[in-house]
Amino acid sequence: PQGPYSCPLCHAPADPDMELQTNVQLNSIAQKFLNTPAHQEEEESEAQHEEKAESLGQQDDVILCDFCLQEPQPAVKTCLTCEASLCQAHLSKHNLRTPLKSHVLLGPCGAHVLAERKCPQHGKPLECFCKTDSLCICMMCPLTSSHKNHEITTLEEAYGQARV
């Protein structure tokens, strides 16, 4: 970024080439946070999550619930909308909420599978199908990319037509 630089705290003018000093006030706050019991419990919980995955065997094959903090349970579904894996208990809570009932659920899958279901250009879910290019695309592609003016349909329609 070009333009005049200034200190975010005191707004004094700053030269972009000057050597920066540690913000003592912010550093002190960060150190206090890192030493709080809540933060230390969070780190322990993450370690327990990894240990649980290892104890279940093949760590890469076992997908754990993203919401279990104390005792991670194996996931039974992954919500594509929330991009989260859920155990049976958290899935029940997820399905009770009316706005969440329309979310798309799959069998448990890892982050790599979720990434494959997103448009590489826009980072949005692949929800459409370009009949012209025979390619899954996101909602932004027909508006902003090379799929402008192509014949576009929903994935559901394309799947239904392919089955016939």
Protein backbone atom coordinates (compact mmCIF):
# COMPACT_ATOMS: atom_id res chain seq x y z
CA PRO A 1 0.00 0.00 0.00
CA GLN A 2 1.17 3.48 -0.85
CA GLY A 3 0.59 6.69 1.00
CA PRO A 4 1.43 8.17 4.36
CA TYR A 5 1.96 5.69 7.16
CA SER A 6 1.04 6.39 10.77
CA CYS A 7 1.10 4.62 14.11
CA PRO A 8 -2.30 2.95 14.68
CA LEU A 9 -2.11 3.82 18.39
CA CYS A 10 -0.90 7.46 18.51
CA HIS A 11 -1.29 8.37 14.80
CA ALA A 12 2.22 9.83 14.61
CA PRO A 13 3.66 9.86 11.07
CA ALA A 14 5.88 6.87 10.31
CA ASP A 15 8.47 6.19 7.63
CA PRO A 16 7.85 2.83 5.88
CA ASP A 17 11.60 2.09 6.04
CA MET A 18 11.95 2.65 9.78
CA GLU A 19 12.75 -0.25 12.09
CA LEU A 20 9.67 -1.28 14.06
CA GLN A 21 9.76 -1.72 17.83
CA THR A 22 7.77 -4.15 19.95
CA ASN A 23 4.47 -2.72 21.16
CA VAL A 24 5.02 -3.23 24.90
CA GLN A 25 1.36 -2.70 25.79
CA LEU A 26 0.07 -5.20 23.22
CA ASN A 27 2.85 -7.67 24.05
CA SER A 28 1.88 -7.51 27.75
CA ILE A 29 -1.78 -8.20 26.93
CA ALA A 30 -0.82 -11.14 24.68
CA GLN A 31 1.42 -12.65 27.37
CA LYS A 32 -1.37 -12.39 29.96
CA PHE A 33 -3.76 -14.11 27.55
CA LEU A 34 -1.30 -16.90 26.80
CA ASN A 35 -0.92 -17.55 30.53
CA THR A 36 -4.67 -17.70 31.29
CA PRO A 37 -6.12 -21.06 32.36
CA ALA A 38 -8.74 -20.87 29.56
CA HIS A 39 -6.06 -20.58 26.87
CA GLN A 40 -4.02 -23.39 28.40
CA GLU A 41 -7.14 -25.60 28.54
CA GLU A 42 -7.75 -24.85 24.86
CA GLU A 43 -4.24 -26.00 23.97
CA GLU A 44 -4.71 -29.14 26.10
CA SER A 45 -8.04 -29.81 24.36
CA GLU A 46 -6.36 -29.62 20.94
CA ALA A 47 -3.70 -32.06 22.12
CA GLN A 48 -6.41 -34.41 23.44
CA HIS A 49 -8.20 -34.15 20.07
CA GLU A 50 -5.03 -35.31 18.28
CA GLU A 51 -4.40 -38.07 20.84
CA LYS A 52 -7.98 -39.33 20.40
CA ALA A 53 -7.51 -39.47 16.62
CA GLU A 54 -4.28 -41.43 17.05
CA SER A 55 -5.87 -43.81 19.55
CA LEU A 56 -8.67 -44.55 17.08
CA GLY A 57 -6.12 -45.85 14.64
CA GLN A 58 -5.42 -44.38 11.25
CA GLN A 59 -5.47 -40.67 12.04
CA ASP A 60 -6.03 -39.71 8.41
CA ASP A 61 -9.03 -42.04 8.05
CA VAL A 62 -10.90 -41.01 11.20
CA ILE A 63 -12.85 -37.76 10.96
CA LEU A 64 -13.63 -36.31 14.39
CA CYS A 65 -16.45 -33.99 15.38
CA ASP A 66 -15.43 -30.33 15.12
CA PHE A 67 -17.65 -29.39 18.07
CA CYS A 68 -16.53 -31.97 20.66
CA LEU A 69 -14.06 -30.13 22.86
CA GLN A 70 -13.48 -32.40 25.86
CA GLU A 71 -13.75 -35.92 24.43
CA PRO A 72 -13.72 -35.85 20.59
CA GLN A 73 -16.11 -38.35 19.03
CA PRO A 74 -16.00 -39.77 15.50
CA ALA A 75 -18.09 -37.75 13.06
CA VAL A 76 -21.15 -39.35 11.46
CA LYS A 77 -21.87 -36.53 8.97
CA THR A 78 -20.19 -33.48 7.47
CA CYS A 79 -22.29 -30.37 6.79
CA LEU A 80 -21.21 -28.81 3.50
CA THR A 81 -22.91 -25.52 4.37
CA CYS A 82 -21.24 -25.15 7.78
CA GLU A 83 -18.06 -26.90 6.61
CA ALA A 84 -18.03 -28.88 9.85
CA SER A 85 -17.98 -32.56 10.79
CA LEU A 86 -20.51 -33.64 13.43
CA CYS A 87 -20.85 -36.57 15.83
CA GLN A 88 -24.33 -38.05 16.46
CA ALA A 89 -25.02 -35.76 19.45
CA HIS A 90 -24.04 -32.56 17.62
CA LEU A 91 -25.81 -33.70 14.44
CA SER A 92 -29.06 -33.99 16.42
CA LYS A 93 -28.65 -30.41 17.70
CA HIS A 94 -27.76 -29.21 14.19
CA ASN A 95 -30.89 -30.78 12.68
CA LEU A 96 -33.21 -29.31 15.35
CA ARG A 97 -32.64 -25.73 14.19
CA THR A 98 -35.05 -24.76 11.42
CA PRO A 99 -32.62 -22.60 9.40
CA LEU A 100 -30.08 -25.45 9.41
CA LYS A 101 -32.49 -28.15 8.17
CA SER A 102 -31.83 -27.23 4.54
CA HIS A 103 -28.06 -27.73 4.92
CA VAL A 104 -26.45 -30.40 2.76
CA LEU A 105 -25.07 -33.34 4.78
CA LEU A 106 -22.61 -35.96 3.55
CA GLY A 107 -20.83 -38.87 5.15
CA PRO A 108 -17.85 -37.75 7.24
CA CYS A 109 -15.18 -36.17 5.08
CA GLY A 110 -12.00 -34.22 5.68
CA ALA A 111 -10.97 -30.71 4.73
CA HIS A 112 -9.46 -31.90 1.43
CA VAL A 113 -12.87 -33.16 0.26
CA LEU A 114 -14.53 -29.88 1.26
CA ALA A 115 -11.87 -27.96 -0.68
CA GLU A 116 -12.56 -30.07 -3.79
CA ARG A 117 -16.22 -29.03 -3.64
CA LYS A 118 -15.34 -25.32 -3.92
CA CYS A 119 -14.70 -23.24 -7.00
CA PRO A 120 -10.95 -22.74 -7.39
CA GLN A 121 -11.55 -19.28 -8.83
CA HIS A 122 -14.11 -17.87 -6.37
CA GLY A 123 -13.91 -20.16 -3.31
CA LYS A 124 -17.70 -20.65 -3.39
CA PRO A 125 -19.51 -24.04 -3.28
CA LEU A 126 -19.93 -25.80 -6.64
CA GLU A 127 -23.73 -25.56 -6.97
CA CYS A 128 -24.24 -25.21 -10.73
CA PHE A 129 -23.39 -27.11 -13.89
CA CYS A 130 -22.22 -25.50 -17.13
CA LYS A 131 -23.74 -27.61 -19.93
CA THR A 132 -21.59 -25.84 -22.51
CA ASP A 133 -18.32 -26.91 -20.86
CA SER A 134 -19.67 -29.98 -18.95
CA LEU A 135 -18.20 -28.58 -15.75
CA CYS A 136 -19.34 -27.99 -12.17
CA ILE A 137 -19.19 -24.28 -11.34
CA CYS A 138 -20.17 -21.88 -8.55
CA MET A 139 -22.90 -19.21 -8.66
CA MET A 140 -20.33 -16.50 -9.45
CA CYS A 141 -18.85 -18.18 -12.53
CA PRO A 142 -21.69 -17.31 -14.96
CA LEU A 143 -21.53 -13.69 -13.81
CA THR A 144 -17.81 -13.02 -13.80
CA SER A 145 -15.87 -15.60 -15.75
CA SER A 146 -15.56 -17.53 -18.98
CA HIS A 147 -18.96 -19.18 -18.37
CA LYS A 148 -20.82 -15.95 -19.18
CA ASN A 149 -23.67 -16.60 -21.64
CA HIS A 150 -23.27 -20.39 -21.33
CA GLU A 151 -26.16 -22.76 -20.68
CA ILE A 152 -26.21 -23.19 -16.88
CA THR A 153 -28.36 -25.48 -14.72
CA THR A 154 -28.39 -26.64 -11.11
CA LEU A 155 -26.40 -29.70 -10.11
CA GLU A 156 -29.67 -31.44 -9.15
CA GLU A 157 -31.14 -30.91 -12.63
CA ALA A 158 -27.93 -32.01 -14.34
CA TYR A 159 -27.79 -35.13 -12.15
CA GLY A 160 -31.45 -35.92 -12.89
CA GLN A 161 -30.90 -35.54 -16.64
CA ALA A 162 -27.77 -37.70 -16.53
CA ARG A 163 -29.69 -40.52 -14.80
CA VAL A 164 -32.39 -40.61 -17.52
